[in-house]
Amino acid sequence: MKYLVRRFRMLLPVILSLAPGWDGWTQNPFPKLKTIPHIQAVPLPYDQISFQREGVEIARYHFGPNLRRTFLYPLIGPSGRSLTRMGHPRDPQSHSHHNSVWISHNNVNGVDFWSDQGQGRVVHREILQIEDGENEAFLLTKNDWIGGAEKVLLEETRRIAVEEMDNREWLLILDFSFSAKNEKVTLGETPFGMIGVRVAKTIGVNDGGGTIRNSEGQTDEQEIFRKPAKWVDYSGAISHTAIEGITLFDHPSNQTYPSKFHVRNDGWMGICLNLDGAIELKPGEPLRLRYGLYIHSDLKPKDAIEEQWKRFADKPLDIMDKTSPK
């Protein structure tokens, strides 16, 4: 059905040209009319990018110069409500760094980039490319990871892509390339980094009666906490009539795959890049990472999530340089 709708949109200029009152293409005021992209990345004021499906926002990227880190908020589910939130619902002060979907690490050469009390800041430097498309829109950016004394420890290239799926579901794909700038950088052993996801209050196990499941058949914090998995799903009620969720995907190309997941019944989950030991980055030897977030309706059966993870895992890694528009 989705294919037929898109074909109709593509043929619409031809249909109009043959309608009564039109003399073929000779009277068409838009002879070079192009198809309007189905998925768009729209720049907004105050250093934000809105990812939109047919003009309706499904995600927004925040990269203002005064932020401690860049982040994505909201992530809109099929029913039209955000499946993520800003901050811990019971402890907003000490968990102010829980910025919906964020990328950081709490030990980069000993510098804390994770909490808002640390010295580290992830600072946006430039947009390399922004592209719309029929099935996907993406943003390619550069960030600097700045420690004490304004020293750049890491240079990061980030690709944020939104891909449409059936039934108003969608996939967020996050690609990263981290490079040590001038000298060796050590990512110290920690459960905090590289990615965190704070779900909406009503999805949480404690506050909303939601549930956490993983690829290994385990359930909730007691079974899943710091256990390796291909994916972890957090699902629950987003309204009185809708159950929706987010599945956080690890990728087989990642250095510590299958990674251990840090999850809590109070409403957050993250992938631990290096819980079991430090990782050293040398200049000229970048660290490549890919994560995915599957935004879905219902409490998906394990097999259905596994199928979507397999589709994500089989995707070739994207080029992390500016490319020609398709």
Protein backbone atom coordinates (compact mmCIF):
# COMPACT_ATOMS: atom_id res chain seq x y z
CA MET A 1 0.00 0.00 0.00
CA LYS A 2 2.77 2.44 0.93
CA TYR A 3 4.45 1.73 -2.41
CA LEU A 4 1.23 2.46 -4.32
CA VAL A 5 0.71 5.76 -2.48
CA ARG A 6 4.21 6.88 -3.34
CA ARG A 7 3.83 5.88 -6.98
CA PHE A 8 0.64 7.93 -7.13
CA ARG A 9 2.44 10.96 -5.74
CA MET A 10 5.16 10.57 -8.35
CA LEU A 11 2.61 10.31 -11.17
CA LEU A 12 0.47 13.19 -9.93
CA PRO A 13 2.08 15.82 -12.20
CA VAL A 14 1.35 13.61 -15.22
CA ILE A 15 -2.26 13.09 -14.13
CA LEU A 16 -2.75 16.82 -13.68
CA SER A 17 -1.25 17.55 -17.07
CA LEU A 18 -3.90 15.39 -18.73
CA ALA A 19 -6.83 16.81 -16.75
CA PRO A 20 -9.51 18.98 -18.44
CA GLY A 21 -8.20 22.46 -19.09
CA TRP A 22 -4.63 21.27 -19.52
CA ASP A 23 -3.08 20.91 -22.96
CA GLY A 24 -0.67 18.12 -22.11
CA TRP A 25 2.58 19.52 -20.75
CA THR A 26 2.42 22.70 -22.81
CA GLN A 27 0.36 24.52 -20.17
CA ASN A 28 2.03 22.97 -17.12
CA PRO A 29 3.36 25.89 -15.03
CA PHE A 30 5.78 23.50 -13.31
CA PRO A 31 7.38 21.48 -16.12
CA LYS A 32 10.28 20.49 -13.83
CA LEU A 33 8.15 19.66 -10.80
CA LYS A 34 9.90 17.18 -8.51
CA THR A 35 8.52 14.79 -5.92
CA ILE A 36 8.42 16.34 -2.44
CA PRO A 37 10.61 14.26 -0.08
CA HIS A 38 8.56 12.11 2.26
CA ILE A 39 11.11 12.41 5.10
CA GLN A 40 12.79 15.77 5.68
CA ALA A 41 15.42 17.20 8.03
CA VAL A 42 14.28 20.79 8.58
CA PRO A 43 16.60 23.39 10.21
CA LEU A 44 14.94 25.41 12.99
CA PRO A 45 15.95 28.45 15.05
CA TYR A 46 18.13 28.04 18.13
CA ASP A 47 20.35 25.32 16.65
CA GLN A 48 17.82 22.56 16.15
CA ILE A 49 16.97 20.15 13.33
CA SER A 50 13.45 18.75 13.06
CA PHE A 51 13.07 15.35 11.37
CA GLN A 52 9.63 15.29 9.79
CA ARG A 53 7.41 12.75 8.05
CA GLU A 54 5.07 14.47 5.61
CA GLY A 55 5.55 17.73 7.51
CA VAL A 56 4.92 16.26 10.98
CA GLU A 57 7.83 16.08 13.40
CA ILE A 58 8.96 12.68 14.66
CA ALA A 59 12.32 13.70 16.19
CA ARG A 60 14.37 16.80 16.93
CA TYR A 61 18.12 17.22 17.30
CA HIS A 62 19.45 19.89 19.69
CA PHE A 63 23.01 21.18 19.26
CA GLY A 64 23.13 24.71 20.75
CA PRO A 65 26.49 26.16 21.87
CA ASN A 66 25.48 26.40 25.53
CA LEU A 67 24.55 22.73 25.91
CA ARG A 68 26.74 20.26 27.81
CA ARG A 69 26.05 17.72 25.08
CA THR A 70 23.94 17.39 21.96
CA PHE A 71 20.78 15.27 22.22
CA LEU A 72 17.57 14.15 20.52
CA TYR A 73 14.19 15.10 21.96
CA PRO A 74 11.41 14.23 21.36
CA LEU A 75 11.14 10.81 19.72
CA ILE A 76 7.52 10.58 18.60
CA GLY A 77 5.81 7.19 18.55
CA PRO A 78 3.10 6.03 16.13
CA SER A 79 0.30 7.51 18.29
CA GLY A 80 1.86 10.99 18.18
CA ARG A 81 3.39 11.20 21.68
CA SER A 82 7.04 11.31 22.72
CA LEU A 83 8.43 8.00 23.96
CA THR A 84 11.32 9.80 25.67
CA ARG A 85 11.60 12.57 28.27
CA MET A 86 14.14 15.01 29.69
CA GLY A 87 15.40 14.04 33.14
CA HIS A 88 14.55 11.47 35.80
CA PRO A 89 10.89 11.76 36.93
CA ARG A 90 11.82 11.24 40.60
CA ASP A 91 15.29 12.77 40.71
CA PRO A 92 15.57 15.56 38.12
CA GLN A 93 18.43 17.38 39.87
CA SER A 94 21.16 14.72 39.95
CA HIS A 95 19.92 13.18 36.70
CA SER A 96 19.68 16.39 34.69
CA HIS A 97 22.06 14.82 32.17
CA HIS A 98 19.39 12.30 31.14
CA ASN A 99 18.60 14.21 27.95
CA SER A 100 16.14 11.87 26.19
CA VAL A 101 18.67 10.24 23.81
CA TRP A 102 22.25 11.36 24.36
CA ILE A 103 25.84 10.38 23.57
CA SER A 104 28.57 10.81 26.19
CA HIS A 105 31.07 8.95 28.36
CA ASN A 106 32.11 9.44 31.97
CA ASN A 107 35.84 8.70 31.63
CA VAL A 108 37.76 10.16 28.68
CA ASN A 109 41.34 10.52 29.89
CA GLY A 110 39.78 10.81 33.33
CA VAL A 111 37.38 13.60 32.30
CA ASP A 112 33.66 13.14 33.03
CA PHE A 113 31.50 13.94 29.98
CA TRP A 114 28.51 12.01 31.35
CA SER A 115 27.16 14.08 34.23
CA ASP A 116 26.36 17.78 34.33
CA GLN A 117 28.85 18.13 37.17
CA GLY A 118 31.79 16.96 35.06
CA GLN A 119 34.24 19.14 33.15
CA GLY A 120 33.66 17.55 29.76
CA ARG A 121 31.47 19.07 27.03
CA VAL A 122 30.46 17.67 23.65
CA VAL A 123 30.39 20.76 21.43
CA HIS A 124 28.84 20.96 17.98
CA ARG A 125 31.27 22.38 15.41
CA GLU A 126 29.61 22.21 11.99
CA ILE A 127 26.97 20.61 9.82
CA LEU A 128 28.66 18.80 6.95
CA GLN A 129 25.53 17.67 5.14
CA ILE A 130 21.77 17.57 5.52
CA GLU A 131 19.62 15.57 3.10
CA ASP A 132 15.93 14.69 2.65
CA GLY A 133 14.60 11.58 0.93
CA GLU A 134 11.67 9.38 0.10
CA ASN A 135 12.48 6.82 2.81
CA GLU A 136 15.27 8.47 4.83
CA ALA A 137 16.60 11.85 5.89
CA PHE A 138 20.00 12.29 7.47
CA LEU A 139 22.30 14.81 9.11
CA LEU A 140 26.12 14.65 9.10
CA THR A 141 27.88 16.73 11.76
CA LYS A 142 31.22 17.36 13.44
CA ASN A 143 31.62 17.58 17.24
CA ASP A 144 34.54 18.26 19.57
CA TRP A 145 34.87 16.54 22.95
CA ILE A 146 36.43 19.24 25.11
CA GLY A 147 37.96 18.50 28.49
CA GLY A 148 39.53 20.81 31.04
CA ALA A 149 41.36 23.95 29.86
CA GLU A 150 39.34 23.83 26.61
CA LYS A 151 41.46 20.95 25.35
CA VAL A 152 39.95 18.90 22.51
CA LEU A 153 40.35 15.24 23.44
CA LEU A 154 38.22 13.66 20.73
CA GLU A 155 37.01 14.73 17.30
CA GLU A 156 33.70 13.12 16.37
CA THR A 157 31.84 12.73 13.11
CA ARG A 158 28.19 11.84 13.65
CA ARG A 159 25.54 10.69 11.19
CA ILE A 160 21.91 10.82 12.37
CA ALA A 161 19.45 9.10 10.04
CA VAL A 162 15.68 8.68 10.31
CA GLU A 163 14.24 5.84 8.23
CA GLU A 164 10.53 5.29 7.69
CA MET A 165 8.92 1.92 8.36
CA ASP A 166 5.40 0.55 7.98
CA ASN A 167 2.49 1.50 10.27
CA ARG A 168 4.07 4.83 11.30
CA GLU A 169 6.96 3.08 12.98
CA TRP A 170 10.50 4.27 12.26
CA LEU A 171 14.16 3.60 12.83
CA LEU A 172 16.79 6.01 14.15
CA ILE A 173 20.32 5.06 13.07
CA LEU A 174 23.27 6.70 14.83
CA ASP A 175 26.74 6.34 13.31
CA PHE A 176 29.92 7.65 14.93
CA SER A 177 33.59 7.97 14.18
CA PHE A 178 35.75 9.05 17.16
CA SER A 179 39.35 10.14 16.62
CA ALA A 180 42.05 11.09 19.10
CA LYS A 181 43.22 14.53 18.00
CA ASN A 182 46.88 14.88 18.92
CA GLU A 183 47.73 12.14 21.38
CA LYS A 184 46.47 8.80 22.66
CA VAL A 185 43.09 8.95 24.41
CA THR A 186 41.87 6.35 26.91
CA LEU A 187 38.20 5.57 27.36
CA GLY A 188 38.27 4.32 30.94
CA GLU A 189 36.30 1.32 32.15
CA THR A 190 32.74 2.42 32.95
CA PRO A 191 29.07 1.46 32.66
CA PHE A 192 28.23 5.01 31.52
CA GLY A 193 28.80 5.53 27.80
CA MET A 194 28.37 5.79 24.91
CA ILE A 195 24.56 5.98 24.54
CA GLY A 196 21.71 6.56 26.99
CA VAL A 197 17.93 6.58 26.54
CA ARG A 198 15.48 8.03 29.07
CA VAL A 199 11.97 6.75 28.29
CA ALA A 200 8.69 8.52 28.98
CA LYS A 201 7.48 8.24 32.59
CA THR A 202 4.48 6.04 31.80
CA ILE A 203 6.66 3.53 29.93
CA GLY A 204 8.94 2.95 32.93
CA VAL A 205 8.55 -0.21 34.97
CA ASN A 206 8.27 1.59 38.31
CA ASP A 207 6.12 4.56 37.33
CA GLY A 208 4.03 3.12 34.52
CA GLY A 209 4.07 -0.66 34.82
CA GLY A 210 6.01 -1.08 31.57
CA THR A 211 8.50 -3.85 30.90
CA ILE A 212 12.08 -4.33 29.74
CA ARG A 213 13.03 -7.34 27.59
CA ASN A 214 16.18 -8.36 25.77
CA SER A 215 17.32 -10.60 22.93
CA GLU A 216 18.29 -13.35 25.39
CA GLY A 217 14.75 -13.76 26.74
CA GLN A 218 15.44 -11.96 30.03
CA THR A 219 13.06 -9.46 31.64
CA ASP A 220 13.38 -6.24 33.66
CA GLU A 221 16.31 -4.84 35.62
CA GLN A 222 16.96 -7.81 37.90
CA GLU A 223 17.67 -10.13 34.94
CA ILE A 224 18.99 -7.72 32.28
CA PHE A 225 21.20 -5.35 34.31
CA ARG A 226 24.72 -5.32 32.81
CA LYS A 227 24.10 -8.50 30.81
CA PRO A 228 25.25 -8.83 27.16
CA ALA A 229 22.57 -8.73 24.47
CA LYS A 230 21.98 -7.78 20.85
CA TRP A 231 19.08 -5.52 21.83
CA VAL A 232 16.98 -4.33 24.75
CA ASP A 233 13.37 -3.20 24.43
CA TYR A 234 11.54 -0.84 26.79
CA SER A 235 7.75 -0.82 26.23
CA GLY A 236 4.70 0.43 28.09
CA ALA A 237 1.59 2.60 27.98
CA ILE A 238 1.99 6.00 26.32
CA SER A 239 -1.73 6.79 26.59
CA HIS A 240 -4.92 5.14 27.83
CA THR A 241 -5.29 3.41 24.48
CA ALA A 242 -1.75 2.87 23.17
CA ILE A 243 1.16 0.63 24.10
CA GLU A 244 4.42 1.63 22.40
CA GLY A 245 8.14 1.18 22.90
CA ILE A 246 11.76 1.75 21.96
CA THR A 247 14.21 -1.02 21.16
CA LEU A 248 17.88 -0.10 21.53
CA PHE A 249 20.00 -2.02 19.01
CA ASP A 250 23.69 -2.86 19.32
CA HIS A 251 25.50 -3.50 16.01
CA PRO A 252 27.75 -6.50 15.22
CA SER A 253 30.51 -4.18 13.96
CA ASN A 254 30.89 -2.51 17.36
CA GLN A 255 34.09 -3.37 19.21
CA THR A 256 32.46 -4.90 22.29
CA TYR A 257 29.42 -6.52 20.62
CA PRO A 258 27.37 -8.06 22.10
CA SER A 259 27.66 -5.25 24.61
CA LYS A 260 26.37 -5.24 28.15
CA PHE A 261 23.31 -3.09 28.78
CA HIS A 262 22.87 -0.85 31.81
CA VAL A 263 19.11 -0.77 32.45
CA ARG A 264 16.89 0.44 35.26
CA ASN A 265 13.25 -0.13 36.16
CA ASP A 266 13.05 3.63 36.81
CA GLY A 267 12.99 4.33 33.07
CA TRP A 268 16.35 4.33 31.36
CA MET A 269 18.64 2.07 29.37
CA GLY A 270 22.08 2.38 27.86
CA ILE A 271 24.71 0.35 26.06
CA CYS A 272 28.01 -0.01 27.91
CA LEU A 273 30.79 0.37 25.38
CA ASN A 274 33.56 -0.68 27.73
CA LEU A 275 32.24 -1.96 31.04
CA ASP A 276 34.95 -4.64 31.16
CA GLY A 277 38.07 -2.66 30.35
CA ALA A 278 39.60 0.49 28.90
CA ILE A 279 39.77 1.26 25.18
CA GLU A 280 42.70 3.20 23.76
CA LEU A 281 42.34 5.46 20.74
CA LYS A 282 45.49 6.44 18.88
CA PRO A 283 45.68 9.35 16.41
CA GLY A 284 44.81 8.12 12.92
CA GLU A 285 42.97 5.04 14.23
CA PRO A 286 39.30 6.09 14.66
CA LEU A 287 36.74 4.17 16.68
CA ARG A 288 33.64 3.39 14.60
CA LEU A 289 30.29 2.76 16.33
CA ARG A 290 26.70 2.25 15.22
CA TYR A 291 23.53 2.10 17.33
CA GLY A 292 19.86 1.95 16.39
CA LEU A 293 16.56 2.82 18.03
CA TYR A 294 13.43 1.11 16.75
CA ILE A 295 10.34 3.23 17.52
CA HIS A 296 7.35 0.93 17.47
CA SER A 297 3.72 0.34 18.40
CA ASP A 298 2.42 -2.40 20.69
CA LEU A 299 4.33 -4.82 22.88
CA LYS A 300 6.18 -6.48 20.02
CA PRO A 301 6.77 -10.23 20.14
CA LYS A 302 10.44 -11.16 20.56
CA ASP A 303 10.57 -12.66 17.06
CA ALA A 304 9.28 -9.45 15.50
CA ILE A 305 11.97 -7.38 17.23
CA GLU A 306 14.61 -9.91 16.28
CA GLU A 307 13.57 -9.58 12.64
CA GLN A 308 13.99 -5.80 12.78
CA TRP A 309 17.35 -6.12 14.53
CA LYS A 310 18.53 -8.52 11.79
CA ARG A 311 17.49 -5.98 9.17
CA PHE A 312 19.42 -3.28 11.04
CA ALA A 313 22.47 -5.51 11.50
CA ASP A 314 22.60 -6.36 7.79
CA LYS A 315 22.68 -2.73 6.67
CA PRO A 316 26.08 -1.69 5.31
CA LEU A 317 27.88 0.95 7.34
CA ASP A 318 27.40 4.42 5.92
CA ILE A 319 30.25 6.54 4.64
CA MET A 320 31.15 9.11 7.27
CA ASP A 321 32.15 11.77 4.72
CA LYS A 322 30.03 14.19 2.75
CA THR A 323 28.41 12.44 -0.21
CA SER A 324 26.65 13.66 -3.32
CA PRO A 325 22.85 13.98 -2.94
CA LYS A 326 20.95 11.08 -4.44
